[in-house]
Amino acid sequence: MGITARIVVRADSAFFCHKVVAVCRAAGAAFSLAVAVKKQVREAIAGIAGDAWTPIKYTAAVWDDQEERWVSNAEIAEIPFTTVTSKKKRFHTTARLTLRRVKRLNLRVSLATVSGS
């Protein structure tokens, strides 16, 4: 009984490091890792054109008691991104940086993930 399914590694930002990315790549696993929004990610976000963001309309919006309104809109964007550039060049990894921002938070990015295969 051989494994025929594709292995996908998903993890929060506590596990985002060059070692995890390298193991995923070496094993041929797809990966989706949350990343902290630090300087390198903020610089990448700043370079995204306004029309590159795609609106998301949620079918099950959430009620915000403080603002007394439904929260139902956000935007996503995806760009190529080379990460772990603070490490040796052999650890640099180009993958997709997927970002989600919520309009009511003044377009601040609330989630960033790096994905690859």
C-alpha atoms as a PDB file:
ATOM      1  CA  MET A   1       0.000   0.000   0.000  1.00  0.00           C
ATOM      2  CA  GLY A   2       1.855   3.017  -1.258  1.00  0.00           C
ATOM      3  CA  ILE A   3       0.889   6.563  -0.460  1.00  0.00           C
ATOM      4  CA  THR A   4      -0.799   8.168  -3.438  1.00  0.00           C
ATOM      5  CA  ALA A   5      -2.031  11.374  -1.803  1.00  0.00           C
ATOM      6  CA  ARG A   6      -0.105  14.637  -1.890  1.00  0.00           C
ATOM      7  CA  ILE A   7       1.267  15.686   1.480  1.00  0.00           C
ATOM      8  CA  VAL A   8       0.330  19.236   2.492  1.00  0.00           C
ATOM      9  CA  VAL A   9       1.943  20.920   5.497  1.00  0.00           C
ATOM     10  CA  ARG A  10      -0.032  23.744   7.120  1.00  0.00           C
ATOM     11  CA  ALA A  11       1.270  25.607  10.140  1.00  0.00           C
ATOM     12  CA  ASP A  12       1.016  28.877  11.998  1.00  0.00           C
ATOM     13  CA  SER A  13       3.778  31.465  12.112  1.00  0.00           C
ATOM     14  CA  ALA A  14       5.515  29.804  15.066  1.00  0.00           C
ATOM     15  CA  PHE A  15       6.713  27.117  12.637  1.00  0.00           C
ATOM     16  CA  PHE A  16       7.766  29.442   9.819  1.00  0.00           C
ATOM     17  CA  CYS A  17      11.527  29.070   9.367  1.00  0.00           C
ATOM     18  CA  HIS A  18      13.991  28.001   6.699  1.00  0.00           C
ATOM     19  CA  LYS A  19      14.268  24.501   8.162  1.00  0.00           C
ATOM     20  CA  VAL A  20      10.537  23.757   7.819  1.00  0.00           C
ATOM     21  CA  VAL A  21      10.457  25.149   4.269  1.00  0.00           C
ATOM     22  CA  ALA A  22      13.575  23.132   3.317  1.00  0.00           C
ATOM     23  CA  VAL A  23      12.110  19.876   4.692  1.00  0.00           C
ATOM     24  CA  CYS A  24       8.838  20.468   2.823  1.00  0.00           C
ATOM     25  CA  ARG A  25      10.698  21.120  -0.431  1.00  0.00           C
ATOM     26  CA  ALA A  26      12.999  18.113   0.028  1.00  0.00           C
ATOM     27  CA  ALA A  27      10.020  15.834   0.706  1.00  0.00           C
ATOM     28  CA  GLY A  28       8.040  17.210  -2.239  1.00  0.00           C
ATOM     29  CA  ALA A  29       5.284  18.361   0.106  1.00  0.00           C
ATOM     30  CA  ALA A  30       3.103  21.355  -0.619  1.00  0.00           C
ATOM     31  CA  PHE A  31       3.097  23.887   2.206  1.00  0.00           C
ATOM     32  CA  SER A  32       1.064  26.793   3.511  1.00  0.00           C
ATOM     33  CA  LEU A  33       2.717  28.572   6.422  1.00  0.00           C
ATOM     34  CA  ALA A  34       1.462  31.668   8.204  1.00  0.00           C
ATOM     35  CA  VAL A  35       4.110  34.367   8.441  1.00  0.00           C
ATOM     36  CA  ALA A  36       4.491  37.310  10.782  1.00  0.00           C
ATOM     37  CA  VAL A  37       3.967  40.674   9.112  1.00  0.00           C
ATOM     38  CA  LYS A  38       7.485  42.021   9.604  1.00  0.00           C
ATOM     39  CA  LYS A  39       9.634  44.392   7.544  1.00  0.00           C
ATOM     40  CA  GLN A  40      10.154  42.132   4.499  1.00  0.00           C
ATOM     41  CA  VAL A  41       6.438  41.318   4.292  1.00  0.00           C
ATOM     42  CA  ARG A  42       5.407  44.967   4.846  1.00  0.00           C
ATOM     43  CA  GLU A  43       7.721  46.022   1.997  1.00  0.00           C
ATOM     44  CA  ALA A  44       6.158  43.398  -0.285  1.00  0.00           C
ATOM     45  CA  ILE A  45       2.665  44.595   0.671  1.00  0.00           C
ATOM     46  CA  ALA A  46       3.599  48.200  -0.093  1.00  0.00           C
ATOM     47  CA  GLY A  47       4.503  47.150  -3.631  1.00  0.00           C
ATOM     48  CA  ILE A  48       1.071  45.672  -4.398  1.00  0.00           C
ATOM     49  CA  ALA A  49      -1.002  47.859  -6.715  1.00  0.00           C
ATOM     50  CA  GLY A  50      -4.444  48.878  -5.491  1.00  0.00           C
ATOM     51  CA  ASP A  51      -6.184  47.052  -8.338  1.00  0.00           C
ATOM     52  CA  ALA A  52      -4.359  43.800  -7.522  1.00  0.00           C
ATOM     53  CA  TRP A  53      -6.576  43.255  -4.461  1.00  0.00           C
ATOM     54  CA  THR A  54      -9.632  41.038  -5.026  1.00  0.00           C
ATOM     55  CA  PRO A  55     -12.753  41.632  -2.904  1.00  0.00           C
ATOM     56  CA  ILE A  56     -14.137  38.806  -0.766  1.00  0.00           C
ATOM     57  CA  LYS A  57     -17.833  38.742   0.062  1.00  0.00           C
ATOM     58  CA  TYR A  58     -18.562  36.393   2.929  1.00  0.00           C
ATOM     59  CA  THR A  59     -21.824  34.466   2.852  1.00  0.00           C
ATOM     60  CA  ALA A  60     -21.927  34.284   6.650  1.00  0.00           C
ATOM     61  CA  ALA A  61     -20.930  37.744   7.869  1.00  0.00           C
ATOM     62  CA  VAL A  62     -20.040  38.354  11.529  1.00  0.00           C
ATOM     63  CA  TRP A  63     -21.838  40.873  13.760  1.00  0.00           C
ATOM     64  CA  ASP A  64     -19.528  43.405  15.470  1.00  0.00           C
ATOM     65  CA  ASP A  65     -21.155  44.464  18.762  1.00  0.00           C
ATOM     66  CA  GLN A  66     -18.861  47.475  19.244  1.00  0.00           C
ATOM     67  CA  GLU A  67     -19.456  48.917  15.787  1.00  0.00           C
ATOM     68  CA  GLU A  68     -23.040  47.635  15.629  1.00  0.00           C
ATOM     69  CA  ARG A  69     -22.679  46.433  12.057  1.00  0.00           C
ATOM     70  CA  TRP A  70     -22.037  43.318   9.977  1.00  0.00           C
ATOM     71  CA  VAL A  71     -18.424  42.672   9.047  1.00  0.00           C
ATOM     72  CA  SER A  72     -18.484  41.058   5.653  1.00  0.00           C
ATOM     73  CA  ASN A  73     -15.834  42.479   3.400  1.00  0.00           C
ATOM     74  CA  ALA A  74     -12.176  41.865   2.999  1.00  0.00           C
ATOM     75  CA  GLU A  75      -9.687  41.670   0.143  1.00  0.00           C
ATOM     76  CA  ILE A  76      -6.983  39.237  -0.874  1.00  0.00           C
ATOM     77  CA  ALA A  77      -3.875  39.497  -3.031  1.00  0.00           C
ATOM     78  CA  GLU A  78      -1.210  37.014  -4.052  1.00  0.00           C
ATOM     79  CA  ILE A  79       2.315  37.801  -5.242  1.00  0.00           C
ATOM     80  CA  PRO A  80       5.573  35.909  -5.809  1.00  0.00           C
ATOM     81  CA  PHE A  81       7.746  36.255  -2.727  1.00  0.00           C
ATOM     82  CA  THR A  82      11.277  35.178  -1.870  1.00  0.00           C
ATOM     83  CA  THR A  83      11.583  34.429   1.800  1.00  0.00           C
ATOM     84  CA  VAL A  84      14.241  33.507   4.376  1.00  0.00           C
ATOM     85  CA  THR A  85      16.621  35.900   2.619  1.00  0.00           C
ATOM     86  CA  SER A  86      18.417  36.474   5.907  1.00  0.00           C
ATOM     87  CA  LYS A  87      19.816  32.941   5.573  1.00  0.00           C
ATOM     88  CA  LYS A  88      22.358  31.537   3.112  1.00  0.00           C
ATOM     89  CA  LYS A  89      21.278  31.737  -0.534  1.00  0.00           C
ATOM     90  CA  ARG A  90      20.627  27.988  -0.679  1.00  0.00           C
ATOM     91  CA  PHE A  91      17.787  28.508   1.828  1.00  0.00           C
ATOM     92  CA  HIS A  92      16.103  31.322  -0.134  1.00  0.00           C
ATOM     93  CA  THR A  93      12.686  30.149  -1.241  1.00  0.00           C
ATOM     94  CA  THR A  94      10.453  31.744  -3.828  1.00  0.00           C
ATOM     95  CA  ALA A  95       6.811  30.895  -3.269  1.00  0.00           C
ATOM     96  CA  ARG A  96       3.452  32.687  -3.181  1.00  0.00           C
ATOM     97  CA  LEU A  97       2.663  35.279  -0.539  1.00  0.00           C
ATOM     98  CA  THR A  98      -1.082  35.385  -0.010  1.00  0.00           C
ATOM     99  CA  LEU A  99      -2.462  38.319   1.942  1.00  0.00           C
ATOM    100  CA  ARG A 100      -5.856  39.103   3.417  1.00  0.00           C
ATOM    101  CA  ARG A 101      -6.841  42.560   4.583  1.00  0.00           C
ATOM    102  CA  VAL A 102     -10.027  43.783   6.220  1.00  0.00           C
ATOM    103  CA  LYS A 103     -11.381  47.116   5.015  1.00  0.00           C
ATOM    104  CA  ARG A 104     -12.709  48.185   8.424  1.00  0.00           C
ATOM    105  CA  LEU A 105      -9.163  47.936   9.807  1.00  0.00           C
ATOM    106  CA  ASN A 106      -8.004  50.698   7.438  1.00  0.00           C
ATOM    107  CA  LEU A 107      -6.765  48.098   4.957  1.00  0.00           C
ATOM    108  CA  ARG A 108      -4.261  46.656   7.409  1.00  0.00           C
ATOM    109  CA  VAL A 109      -3.183  43.127   6.491  1.00  0.00           C
ATOM    110  CA  SER A 110      -4.573  40.664   9.016  1.00  0.00           C
ATOM    111  CA  LEU A 111      -3.227  37.401   7.594  1.00  0.00           C
ATOM    112  CA  ALA A 112      -0.182  36.519   5.532  1.00  0.00           C
ATOM    113  CA  THR A 113       0.786  33.029   4.322  1.00  0.00           C
ATOM    114  CA  VAL A 114       3.585  31.654   2.183  1.00  0.00           C
ATOM    115  CA  SER A 115       2.599  28.713  -0.002  1.00  0.00           C
ATOM    116  CA  GLY A 116       4.576  26.506  -2.311  1.00  0.00           C
ATOM    117  CA  SER A 117       5.122  23.011  -3.529  1.00  0.00           C
END
